[in-house]
Structure formats: C-alpha cells, structure tokens
Amino acid sequence: MKLASYKSTRPGLQGLANRIIRFRLRGQYSHNEVVFEPSDGVGFLMPDGTCEEVDGAMWCVSSVAAERLPAWSPRRAGAVGGVRFKRIKLDPAHWDVIDFPVDAKYAAFRAKYSQGAMYGWRTILGYLTWLVPGQAGRATCSQQSAYLGAFRDPWRFDPCTLHSAVEAMGSVRR
C-alpha cells in the first residue's frame, strides 16, 4: 500500500484551492490518496474486484470536495463530495508516492465501509479561519487517509503532516 500526495496545481478553481491549501499549510501538498497495489491482496474489496493496474491507473481512496461520487457508490451515489474509490494515474510530476506501512486489508475494509461519507468542509474552513471546528462523520482527504492507516486522532492530520508522518514511519521500520 502507498500514500500519494498531490504536489501539482489543477486548472481553474481547484487550482486556486491547491494553492491556498499549500500556502496555509506552508507545505508542498494539497491532497492525499491511499493507493492499493496488486501485492496488497485486497482486490476482492475493490469496486471491480481487482487491484491490477489498468491503463497505468491504480485504485486510490480519499475524500474529495468537488468530484461526483460514482454511480456504484453504496451511499450518496451521484452526490458531489465525499469518500470515493477512483483509478488514478500517479504521474511523478504531480504526485509524490511513498510506502504506507500499515495493514492493507484493514485499510481496504475501512475504505469500503466509509465509501460515500461526506466531505469535511468545516475542517477546510478551519484551516483558513482557525475558528471553525470540524464536524463528526465527515472527513478531508488527509483525515480519511489517516483513518485508513488506523492513526489515532486522524482529524489532526493535514496533507503535509500526514505525508511527513508516513515518511517517518518508513524510516523507523527500516
């Protein structure tokens, strides 16, 4: 299993959000995805029943603000924003991908269970104002990724601190 951290800038309003998040966090990442690999043995939990790479894209899970949830999502199909599975081509020019040394089966079961959960807009507003608390049952990308990794207090993680924490986990285990 891997953690992918987005370091690029998308076009339009999403690009503005990428820049604001990176500026506010004083870091290079604005989004995280948990990536499942064929060697993880969790293909049976993926939407199409496999973890094999398809046209260069891998199954990833995260919580997103501005994407429509797929029609096959068990909760809130077609709604905008929330936890979703998606095949993504992880171009090294846009993503930093590192080992995420946690139990892939546990993470995949958690991902399947939380699929469709709502996006944590209040947490994002809290990044900007410091006055707005998060909301239970909703998650940002980094919170969802930390939750899948069974981190204690996943709400404490933003895209930059999560990447650093996972990177440190890898160096400690070597």
C-alpha atoms as a PDB file:
ATOM      1  CA  MET A   1       0.000   0.000   0.000  1.00  0.00           C
ATOM      2  CA  LYS A   2       1.156   3.531  -0.751  1.00  0.00           C
ATOM      3  CA  LEU A   3       0.344   7.107   0.147  1.00  0.00           C
ATOM      4  CA  ALA A   4       0.196   9.537  -2.773  1.00  0.00           C
ATOM      5  CA  SER A   5       0.492  13.257  -2.014  1.00  0.00           C
ATOM      6  CA  TYR A   6      -0.507  15.814  -4.654  1.00  0.00           C
ATOM      7  CA  LYS A   7       2.094  18.497  -5.313  1.00  0.00           C
ATOM      8  CA  SER A   8       0.815  19.990  -8.558  1.00  0.00           C
ATOM      9  CA  THR A   9      -1.836  22.571  -9.374  1.00  0.00           C
ATOM     10  CA  ARG A  10      -5.075  21.771 -11.189  1.00  0.00           C
ATOM     11  CA  PRO A  11      -6.685  24.253 -13.553  1.00  0.00           C
ATOM     12  CA  GLY A  12      -9.464  26.641 -12.506  1.00  0.00           C
ATOM     13  CA  LEU A  13     -10.992  26.866  -9.035  1.00  0.00           C
ATOM     14  CA  GLN A  14      -9.446  23.572  -7.942  1.00  0.00           C
ATOM     15  CA  GLY A  15      -6.023  25.047  -8.734  1.00  0.00           C
ATOM     16  CA  LEU A  16      -6.806  28.070  -6.590  1.00  0.00           C
ATOM     17  CA  ALA A  17      -7.786  25.702  -3.777  1.00  0.00           C
ATOM     18  CA  ASN A  18      -4.498  23.768  -4.268  1.00  0.00           C
ATOM     19  CA  ARG A  19      -2.526  27.000  -3.898  1.00  0.00           C
ATOM     20  CA  ILE A  20      -4.464  28.263  -0.870  1.00  0.00           C
ATOM     21  CA  ILE A  21      -4.126  24.954   0.980  1.00  0.00           C
ATOM     22  CA  ARG A  22      -0.386  24.732   0.297  1.00  0.00           C
ATOM     23  CA  PHE A  23       0.087  28.390   1.312  1.00  0.00           C
ATOM     24  CA  ARG A  24      -1.914  27.980   4.526  1.00  0.00           C
ATOM     25  CA  LEU A  25      -0.128  24.748   5.457  1.00  0.00           C
ATOM     26  CA  ARG A  26       3.268  26.113   4.406  1.00  0.00           C
ATOM     27  CA  GLY A  27       3.969  22.875   2.564  1.00  0.00           C
ATOM     28  CA  GLN A  28       4.067  21.350  -0.877  1.00  0.00           C
ATOM     29  CA  TYR A  29       0.989  19.073  -0.701  1.00  0.00           C
ATOM     30  CA  SER A  30      -2.691  19.893  -1.078  1.00  0.00           C
ATOM     31  CA  HIS A  31      -4.245  16.398  -1.265  1.00  0.00           C
ATOM     32  CA  ASN A  32      -3.625  12.763  -0.257  1.00  0.00           C
ATOM     33  CA  GLU A  33      -4.778   9.421  -1.670  1.00  0.00           C
ATOM     34  CA  VAL A  34      -4.283   5.900  -0.301  1.00  0.00           C
ATOM     35  CA  VAL A  35      -3.132   3.621  -3.138  1.00  0.00           C
ATOM     36  CA  PHE A  36      -3.820  -0.120  -3.233  1.00  0.00           C
ATOM     37  CA  GLU A  37      -1.376  -2.373  -5.087  1.00  0.00           C
ATOM     38  CA  PRO A  38      -1.738  -5.893  -6.502  1.00  0.00           C
ATOM     39  CA  SER A  39       0.582  -7.252  -3.786  1.00  0.00           C
ATOM     40  CA  ASP A  40      -1.782  -5.976  -1.050  1.00  0.00           C
ATOM     41  CA  GLY A  41      -4.176  -8.908  -1.559  1.00  0.00           C
ATOM     42  CA  VAL A  42      -7.290  -6.735  -1.350  1.00  0.00           C
ATOM     43  CA  GLY A  43      -8.545  -6.922  -4.926  1.00  0.00           C
ATOM     44  CA  PHE A  44     -11.766  -8.578  -3.764  1.00  0.00           C
ATOM     45  CA  LEU A  45     -12.602  -5.345  -1.906  1.00  0.00           C
ATOM     46  CA  MET A  46     -12.050  -3.049  -4.889  1.00  0.00           C
ATOM     47  CA  PRO A  47     -15.026  -1.895  -6.984  1.00  0.00           C
ATOM     48  CA  ASP A  48     -14.060  -4.063  -9.970  1.00  0.00           C
ATOM     49  CA  GLY A  49     -12.696  -6.975  -7.928  1.00  0.00           C
ATOM     50  CA  THR A  50      -9.009  -6.408  -8.738  1.00  0.00           C
ATOM     51  CA  CYS A  51      -6.027  -4.295  -7.676  1.00  0.00           C
ATOM     52  CA  GLU A  52      -4.287  -4.737 -11.011  1.00  0.00           C
ATOM     53  CA  GLU A  53      -3.116  -1.588 -12.771  1.00  0.00           C
ATOM     54  CA  VAL A  54      -5.424  -0.644 -15.658  1.00  0.00           C
ATOM     55  CA  ASP A  55      -4.055   1.685 -18.355  1.00  0.00           C
ATOM     56  CA  GLY A  56      -1.450   2.946 -15.884  1.00  0.00           C
ATOM     57  CA  ALA A  57      -4.029   3.749 -13.178  1.00  0.00           C
ATOM     58  CA  MET A  58      -4.236   2.265  -9.670  1.00  0.00           C
ATOM     59  CA  TRP A  59      -7.180   2.103  -7.254  1.00  0.00           C
ATOM     60  CA  CYS A  60      -6.985   5.026  -4.841  1.00  0.00           C
ATOM     61  CA  VAL A  61      -9.246   6.080  -1.966  1.00  0.00           C
ATOM     62  CA  SER A  62      -9.707   9.516  -0.488  1.00  0.00           C
ATOM     63  CA  SER A  63     -12.286  12.103   0.427  1.00  0.00           C
ATOM     64  CA  VAL A  64     -12.787  14.772  -2.225  1.00  0.00           C
ATOM     65  CA  ALA A  65     -14.621  18.074  -2.239  1.00  0.00           C
ATOM     66  CA  ALA A  66     -15.587  18.705  -5.842  1.00  0.00           C
ATOM     67  CA  GLU A  67     -15.946  15.319  -7.548  1.00  0.00           C
ATOM     68  CA  ARG A  68     -19.187  13.474  -8.123  1.00  0.00           C
ATOM     69  CA  LEU A  69     -19.324  10.124  -6.318  1.00  0.00           C
ATOM     70  CA  PRO A  70     -19.524   7.200  -8.778  1.00  0.00           C
ATOM     71  CA  ALA A  71     -22.860   5.577  -9.606  1.00  0.00           C
ATOM     72  CA  TRP A  72     -21.767   2.339  -7.918  1.00  0.00           C
ATOM     73  CA  SER A  73     -21.063   4.053  -4.571  1.00  0.00           C
ATOM     74  CA  PRO A  74     -23.177   2.335  -1.881  1.00  0.00           C
ATOM     75  CA  ARG A  75     -24.018   5.688  -0.264  1.00  0.00           C
ATOM     76  CA  ARG A  76     -24.757   9.030  -1.886  1.00  0.00           C
ATOM     77  CA  ALA A  77     -24.093   7.845  -5.462  1.00  0.00           C
ATOM     78  CA  GLY A  78     -24.011  10.839  -7.797  1.00  0.00           C
ATOM     79  CA  ALA A  79     -23.664  13.359  -4.950  1.00  0.00           C
ATOM     80  CA  VAL A  80     -20.757  15.812  -5.001  1.00  0.00           C
ATOM     81  CA  GLY A  81     -18.018  15.439  -2.398  1.00  0.00           C
ATOM     82  CA  GLY A  82     -17.140  12.581  -0.106  1.00  0.00           C
ATOM     83  CA  VAL A  83     -15.172   9.365   0.236  1.00  0.00           C
ATOM     84  CA  ARG A  84     -14.704   7.509  -3.043  1.00  0.00           C
ATOM     85  CA  PHE A  85     -12.632   4.881  -4.824  1.00  0.00           C
ATOM     86  CA  LYS A  86     -11.068   6.070  -8.088  1.00  0.00           C
ATOM     87  CA  ARG A  87      -8.455   4.755 -10.505  1.00  0.00           C
ATOM     88  CA  ILE A  88      -5.723   7.397 -10.833  1.00  0.00           C
ATOM     89  CA  LYS A  89      -2.563   7.595 -12.940  1.00  0.00           C
ATOM     90  CA  LEU A  90       0.038   8.740 -10.422  1.00  0.00           C
ATOM     91  CA  ASP A  91       2.299  10.843 -12.639  1.00  0.00           C
ATOM     92  CA  PRO A  92       5.536  11.581 -10.666  1.00  0.00           C
ATOM     93  CA  ALA A  93       5.395  15.171 -11.936  1.00  0.00           C
ATOM     94  CA  HIS A  94       2.154  15.637  -9.956  1.00  0.00           C
ATOM     95  CA  TRP A  95       2.369  13.130  -7.102  1.00  0.00           C
ATOM     96  CA  ASP A  96       4.909  12.008  -4.501  1.00  0.00           C
ATOM     97  CA  VAL A  97       4.238   8.345  -3.731  1.00  0.00           C
ATOM     98  CA  ILE A  98       5.695   6.655  -0.639  1.00  0.00           C
ATOM     99  CA  ASP A  99       5.221   3.344   1.169  1.00  0.00           C
ATOM    100  CA  PHE A 100       2.371   3.364   3.688  1.00  0.00           C
ATOM    101  CA  PRO A 101       3.434   0.566   6.054  1.00  0.00           C
ATOM    102  CA  VAL A 102       0.039  -0.352   7.524  1.00  0.00           C
ATOM    103  CA  ASP A 103      -2.296  -3.336   7.208  1.00  0.00           C
ATOM    104  CA  ALA A 104      -3.740  -3.092   3.674  1.00  0.00           C
ATOM    105  CA  LYS A 105      -6.681  -5.423   4.395  1.00  0.00           C
ATOM    106  CA  TYR A 106      -7.721  -3.405   7.419  1.00  0.00           C
ATOM    107  CA  ALA A 107      -7.413  -0.178   5.395  1.00  0.00           C
ATOM    108  CA  ALA A 108      -9.396  -1.595   2.459  1.00  0.00           C
ATOM    109  CA  PHE A 109     -12.220  -2.782   4.739  1.00  0.00           C
ATOM    110  CA  ARG A 110     -12.313   0.672   6.354  1.00  0.00           C
ATOM    111  CA  ALA A 111     -12.365   2.310   2.915  1.00  0.00           C
ATOM    112  CA  LYS A 112     -15.231   0.127   1.744  1.00  0.00           C
ATOM    113  CA  TYR A 113     -17.166   0.844   4.946  1.00  0.00           C
ATOM    114  CA  SER A 114     -16.691   4.628   4.752  1.00  0.00           C
ATOM    115  CA  GLN A 115     -17.316   4.937   1.000  1.00  0.00           C
ATOM    116  CA  GLY A 116     -19.823   7.730   0.395  1.00  0.00           C
ATOM    117  CA  ALA A 117     -19.222   9.516   3.715  1.00  0.00           C
ATOM    118  CA  MET A 118     -19.486  13.291   3.353  1.00  0.00           C
ATOM    119  CA  TYR A 119     -16.583  15.686   2.794  1.00  0.00           C
ATOM    120  CA  GLY A 120     -15.305  17.738   5.767  1.00  0.00           C
ATOM    121  CA  TRP A 121     -15.851  21.300   4.537  1.00  0.00           C
ATOM    122  CA  ARG A 122     -15.804  22.717   8.059  1.00  0.00           C
ATOM    123  CA  THR A 123     -12.304  21.355   8.594  1.00  0.00           C
ATOM    124  CA  ILE A 124     -11.120  23.126   5.433  1.00  0.00           C
ATOM    125  CA  LEU A 125     -12.716  26.358   6.668  1.00  0.00           C
ATOM    126  CA  GLY A 126     -10.947  25.753   9.979  1.00  0.00           C
ATOM    127  CA  TYR A 127      -7.604  25.684   8.150  1.00  0.00           C
ATOM    128  CA  LEU A 128      -8.389  29.189   6.938  1.00  0.00           C
ATOM    129  CA  THR A 129     -10.032  30.790   9.974  1.00  0.00           C
ATOM    130  CA  TRP A 130      -8.941  28.681  12.993  1.00  0.00           C
ATOM    131  CA  LEU A 131     -12.408  29.343  14.437  1.00  0.00           C
ATOM    132  CA  VAL A 132     -14.481  26.732  12.649  1.00  0.00           C
ATOM    133  CA  PRO A 133     -14.379  23.256  14.232  1.00  0.00           C
ATOM    134  CA  GLY A 134     -14.559  20.079  12.184  1.00  0.00           C
ATOM    135  CA  GLN A 135     -17.738  18.011  12.057  1.00  0.00           C
ATOM    136  CA  ALA A 136     -18.094  14.402  13.196  1.00  0.00           C
ATOM    137  CA  GLY A 137     -18.709  11.856  10.459  1.00  0.00           C
ATOM    138  CA  ARG A 138     -17.078  13.962   7.725  1.00  0.00           C
ATOM    139  CA  ALA A 139     -13.505  13.850   6.513  1.00  0.00           C
ATOM    140  CA  THR A 140     -10.967  15.634   4.370  1.00  0.00           C
ATOM    141  CA  CYS A 141      -8.516  13.704   2.195  1.00  0.00           C
ATOM    142  CA  SER A 142      -5.795  13.576   4.848  1.00  0.00           C
ATOM    143  CA  GLN A 143      -8.224  12.648   7.631  1.00  0.00           C
ATOM    144  CA  GLN A 144      -9.618   9.799   5.532  1.00  0.00           C
ATOM    145  CA  SER A 145      -6.116   8.586   4.667  1.00  0.00           C
ATOM    146  CA  ALA A 146      -5.031   8.728   8.330  1.00  0.00           C
ATOM    147  CA  TYR A 147      -8.236   6.878   9.295  1.00  0.00           C
ATOM    148  CA  LEU A 148      -7.475   4.129   6.763  1.00  0.00           C
ATOM    149  CA  GLY A 149      -3.992   3.833   8.263  1.00  0.00           C
ATOM    150  CA  ALA A 150      -5.541   3.460  11.753  1.00  0.00           C
ATOM    151  CA  PHE A 151      -3.832   6.617  13.009  1.00  0.00           C
ATOM    152  CA  ARG A 152      -5.003   7.877  16.362  1.00  0.00           C
ATOM    153  CA  ASP A 153      -6.860  11.223  16.034  1.00  0.00           C
ATOM    154  CA  PRO A 154      -6.992  11.329  12.207  1.00  0.00           C
ATOM    155  CA  TRP A 155      -8.555  14.805  12.402  1.00  0.00           C
ATOM    156  CA  ARG A 156      -5.145  16.164  13.434  1.00  0.00           C
ATOM    157  CA  PHE A 157      -3.615  15.449  10.014  1.00  0.00           C
ATOM    158  CA  ASP A 158      -3.443  17.741   7.010  1.00  0.00           C
ATOM    159  CA  PRO A 159      -1.883  16.691   3.664  1.00  0.00           C
ATOM    160  CA  CYS A 160       1.614  17.883   4.620  1.00  0.00           C
ATOM    161  CA  THR A 161       1.788  16.452   8.157  1.00  0.00           C
ATOM    162  CA  LEU A 162       0.342  13.125   7.020  1.00  0.00           C
ATOM    163  CA  HIS A 163       2.983  12.783   4.305  1.00  0.00           C
ATOM    164  CA  SER A 164       5.722  13.594   6.848  1.00  0.00           C
ATOM    165  CA  ALA A 165       4.320  11.136   9.407  1.00  0.00           C
ATOM    166  CA  VAL A 166       4.087   8.290   6.886  1.00  0.00           C
ATOM    167  CA  GLU A 167       7.580   9.086   5.597  1.00  0.00           C
ATOM    168  CA  ALA A 168       8.872   8.897   9.180  1.00  0.00           C
ATOM    169  CA  MET A 169       7.094   5.544   9.699  1.00  0.00           C
ATOM    170  CA  GLY A 170       9.028   4.150   6.737  1.00  0.00           C
ATOM    171  CA  SER A 171      12.382   5.333   8.014  1.00  0.00           C
ATOM    172  CA  VAL A 172      11.747   3.918  11.501  1.00  0.00           C
ATOM    173  CA  ARG A 173      10.824   0.471  10.119  1.00  0.00           C
ATOM    174  CA  ARG A 174      13.992   0.097   8.036  1.00  0.00           C
END
